[in-house]
Structures are given as C-alpha cells and as structure tokens.
Amino acid sequence: MPFKFYQSPIGQANPLKIEALGLDLTVRLPPDVTGAELTLLETVNAPGFGPPLHRHRETEIFRVLEGRYLFQVDEKQFEAGAGDIVSVPGGAAHAFVNITDRPARQIVLMLPGMDAHAFFLGLSKILSTKPSRDELNAFGDPWGVEFLGPPLSAGGR
C-alpha cells in the first residue's frame, strides 16, 4: 500500500511565494506519502498572473476554488470559475491566468506525483534572473518540463 497516513492542517500551511509568477503555492499532500502516485497542491494566483505556456508528463486536474481563470490546453482557450474542474492530460501544452481583480485559488492534483516544492523553489530562483527560454528549458529538462511560450494575458480573452 503506497499511501501513508498524513494530515495537512490549514493552520500549519507554509506557502512558497513565487513573486515572478504571482503565486503562493502550498504542497498539501507530498509525493512521499502517496508512493509518488500523486501530489496535491493549493495555489493562490495574483490578478493577471499565471505560468508560462508549458508541458510535462504529469496529468493535472485543477479545481477552481475562488475567482476565474482563462485556460489554454493545446490550442483550446476557455474560462473556468469557482467549482469548475479542468483536466490537462500529461504532455498537453497548457497555461492559465487569473482574469479577476482579486487573488484566485485552485486545488491542483498532479499524477504521478512530483516534488513540487523543490521544482517551484528552483523555478523561483531561476525566474529571479530573468532567464531566456533556453535557460528556463535547461532548468526544466531534468524535471521533464518544457517551457513553450510566455504566460497568457488576462486581456487575451
């Protein structure tokens, strides 16, 4: 049985702040307690912020808790709001942006699991250097992450 007992009380959450992405990220269920089968994240995205267009092997399932996002999955763009679920298959090019004037929140399930805390900590450091796409991809390569383009624009609806 790969899963272990684990409790993640909200009062003990310690979000990783990535200013370049307008992101507060909390790993609520790390891969070491799931046998690396999944990772569960809680994210808060500042208005107008989201990740660059990218792809990776992990499937991601997003549940919007608060706010509204513009998503892109491969060539399809669409909006998702509180209560909506978006499934992004592994290998699909994707990005999203908070299109509201307030912080927006999501729960993100990654399958299989990855060490999201280590990945985003490293990403935060490289983003502070204003890297080129080649430098971003050199960072992402060991993680199986390919950066394909800039973040979406909140005005790009």
Protein backbone atom coordinates (compact mmCIF):
# COMPACT_ATOMS: atom_id res chain seq x y z
CA MET A 1 0.00 0.00 0.00
CA PRO A 2 1.85 3.11 -1.21
CA PHE A 3 -0.18 5.74 0.69
CA LYS A 4 0.67 6.65 4.28
CA PHE A 5 -1.47 8.45 6.82
CA TYR A 6 -0.97 12.20 6.55
CA GLN A 7 -2.78 15.25 7.86
CA SER A 8 -2.29 18.73 6.40
CA PRO A 9 -3.95 21.23 8.77
CA ILE A 10 -4.63 24.59 7.14
CA GLY A 11 -3.16 26.45 10.13
CA GLN A 12 0.21 24.77 9.54
CA ALA A 13 0.36 25.54 5.82
CA ASN A 14 3.54 27.36 4.82
CA PRO A 15 3.12 28.60 1.24
CA LEU A 16 6.06 29.04 -1.08
CA LYS A 17 5.85 32.57 -2.52
CA ILE A 18 6.99 33.00 -6.12
CA GLU A 19 6.71 36.70 -6.84
CA ALA A 20 7.68 36.40 -10.53
CA LEU A 21 4.60 34.20 -11.06
CA GLY A 22 2.31 35.98 -8.59
CA LEU A 23 1.96 32.58 -6.93
CA ASP A 24 1.58 31.29 -3.40
CA LEU A 25 1.89 27.50 -3.55
CA THR A 26 1.28 25.04 -0.73
CA VAL A 27 2.00 21.34 -1.11
CA ARG A 28 -0.96 19.83 0.76
CA LEU A 29 -0.12 16.18 0.00
CA PRO A 30 3.50 15.48 -0.96
CA PRO A 31 4.55 12.55 -3.15
CA ASP A 32 6.48 10.85 -0.34
CA VAL A 33 3.20 10.00 1.43
CA THR A 34 1.47 8.79 -1.76
CA GLY A 35 4.16 6.45 -3.05
CA ALA A 36 4.76 9.15 -5.73
CA GLU A 37 1.34 8.35 -7.21
CA LEU A 38 0.12 11.92 -6.83
CA THR A 39 0.82 15.36 -5.40
CA LEU A 40 -1.90 17.72 -4.19
CA LEU A 41 -1.27 21.48 -4.31
CA GLU A 42 -3.21 24.53 -3.21
CA THR A 43 -2.41 27.67 -5.18
CA VAL A 44 -3.26 31.34 -4.91
CA ASN A 45 -2.68 33.34 -8.08
CA ALA A 46 -2.47 37.14 -8.06
CA PRO A 47 -4.63 39.03 -10.58
CA GLY A 48 -3.18 38.85 -14.10
CA PHE A 49 -0.68 36.11 -13.23
CA GLY A 50 -0.19 32.51 -14.30
CA PRO A 51 2.59 30.21 -15.52
CA PRO A 52 4.25 30.35 -18.94
CA LEU A 53 2.89 28.00 -21.60
CA HIS A 54 4.48 24.65 -20.80
CA ARG A 55 4.10 20.87 -20.89
CA HIS A 56 5.20 17.94 -18.77
CA ARG A 57 4.46 14.24 -18.39
CA GLU A 58 2.21 14.65 -15.34
CA THR A 59 -1.54 14.90 -15.78
CA GLU A 60 -3.00 17.82 -13.84
CA ILE A 61 -6.53 18.22 -12.53
CA PHE A 62 -7.49 21.74 -11.46
CA ARG A 63 -10.46 22.61 -9.26
CA VAL A 64 -11.09 26.32 -9.11
CA LEU A 65 -12.00 27.31 -5.54
CA GLU A 66 -12.27 31.10 -5.95
CA GLY A 67 -12.06 33.50 -8.87
CA ARG A 68 -11.95 32.93 -12.59
CA TYR A 69 -9.18 31.78 -14.91
CA LEU A 70 -8.50 31.80 -18.63
CA PHE A 71 -7.01 28.39 -19.52
CA GLN A 72 -5.27 27.19 -22.64
CA VAL A 73 -4.90 23.45 -23.25
CA ASP A 74 -3.15 22.77 -26.55
CA GLU A 75 -4.99 25.10 -28.98
CA LYS A 76 -8.22 25.45 -26.97
CA GLN A 77 -8.82 28.54 -24.79
CA PHE A 78 -11.69 28.70 -22.30
CA GLU A 79 -12.67 30.20 -18.95
CA ALA A 80 -13.15 28.30 -15.70
CA GLY A 81 -14.65 29.66 -12.48
CA ALA A 82 -15.33 28.61 -8.90
CA GLY A 83 -16.46 24.98 -8.77
CA ASP A 84 -15.19 24.11 -12.26
CA ILE A 85 -12.77 21.26 -12.89
CA VAL A 86 -10.22 21.20 -15.71
CA SER A 87 -8.27 18.07 -16.64
CA VAL A 88 -4.99 18.51 -18.54
CA PRO A 89 -3.54 15.26 -19.92
CA GLY A 90 0.17 14.65 -19.50
CA GLY A 91 2.09 16.04 -22.48
CA ALA A 92 -0.52 18.70 -23.35
CA ALA A 93 0.72 22.27 -23.77
CA HIS A 94 -1.08 24.39 -21.18
CA ALA A 95 -1.20 27.66 -19.28
CA PHE A 96 -3.71 29.67 -17.29
CA VAL A 97 -4.08 33.19 -15.94
CA ASN A 98 -6.20 34.74 -13.17
CA ILE A 99 -8.59 37.07 -15.05
CA THR A 100 -10.14 38.70 -11.98
CA ASP A 101 -9.06 41.72 -9.96
CA ARG A 102 -8.64 39.63 -6.79
CA PRO A 103 -6.49 36.63 -5.86
CA ALA A 104 -7.88 33.36 -7.25
CA ARG A 105 -7.41 29.91 -5.71
CA GLN A 106 -7.17 26.38 -7.05
CA ILE A 107 -6.53 22.86 -5.87
CA VAL A 108 -4.21 21.05 -8.29
CA LEU A 109 -3.82 17.28 -8.40
CA MET A 110 -0.70 16.03 -10.21
CA LEU A 111 -0.49 12.42 -11.40
CA PRO A 112 2.01 10.88 -10.98
CA GLY A 113 3.39 12.82 -8.05
CA MET A 114 6.40 15.09 -8.27
CA ASP A 115 8.40 17.06 -5.72
CA ALA A 116 6.54 20.30 -6.49
CA HIS A 117 8.14 22.15 -3.58
CA ALA A 118 11.67 21.50 -4.92
CA PHE A 119 10.61 22.27 -8.50
CA PHE A 120 8.92 25.58 -7.67
CA LEU A 121 11.70 26.61 -5.28
CA GLY A 122 14.20 26.13 -8.12
CA LEU A 123 11.88 27.85 -10.59
CA SER A 124 11.57 30.83 -8.25
CA LYS A 125 15.35 31.16 -8.14
CA ILE A 126 15.82 30.98 -11.90
CA LEU A 127 12.93 33.38 -12.58
CA SER A 128 14.62 35.98 -10.39
CA THR A 129 17.41 36.12 -13.02
CA LYS A 130 15.02 36.98 -15.91
CA PRO A 131 16.06 33.86 -17.87
CA SER A 132 15.78 33.26 -21.59
CA ARG A 133 13.53 30.43 -22.77
CA ASP A 134 16.66 28.31 -23.35
CA GLU A 135 17.74 28.88 -19.73
CA LEU A 136 14.23 28.05 -18.49
CA ASN A 137 14.27 24.84 -20.52
CA ALA A 138 17.71 23.91 -19.20
CA PHE A 139 16.21 24.22 -15.69
CA GLY A 140 13.07 22.29 -16.69
CA ASP A 141 14.77 19.47 -18.56
CA PRO A 142 15.72 17.31 -15.52
CA TRP A 143 12.10 17.68 -14.35
CA GLY A 144 10.65 16.76 -17.74
CA VAL A 145 9.15 20.26 -18.10
CA GLU A 146 9.32 22.11 -21.41
CA PHE A 147 8.58 25.85 -21.48
CA LEU A 148 6.92 26.71 -24.79
CA GLY A 149 5.97 30.37 -24.59
CA PRO A 150 5.00 33.31 -22.41
CA PRO A 151 2.17 33.36 -19.88
CA LEU A 152 -1.34 34.08 -21.12
CA SER A 153 -2.59 37.64 -20.94
CA ALA A 154 -5.59 38.40 -18.73
CA GLY A 155 -6.82 40.64 -21.54
CA GLY A 156 -6.43 37.86 -24.11
CA ARG A 157 -9.98 36.54 -23.77
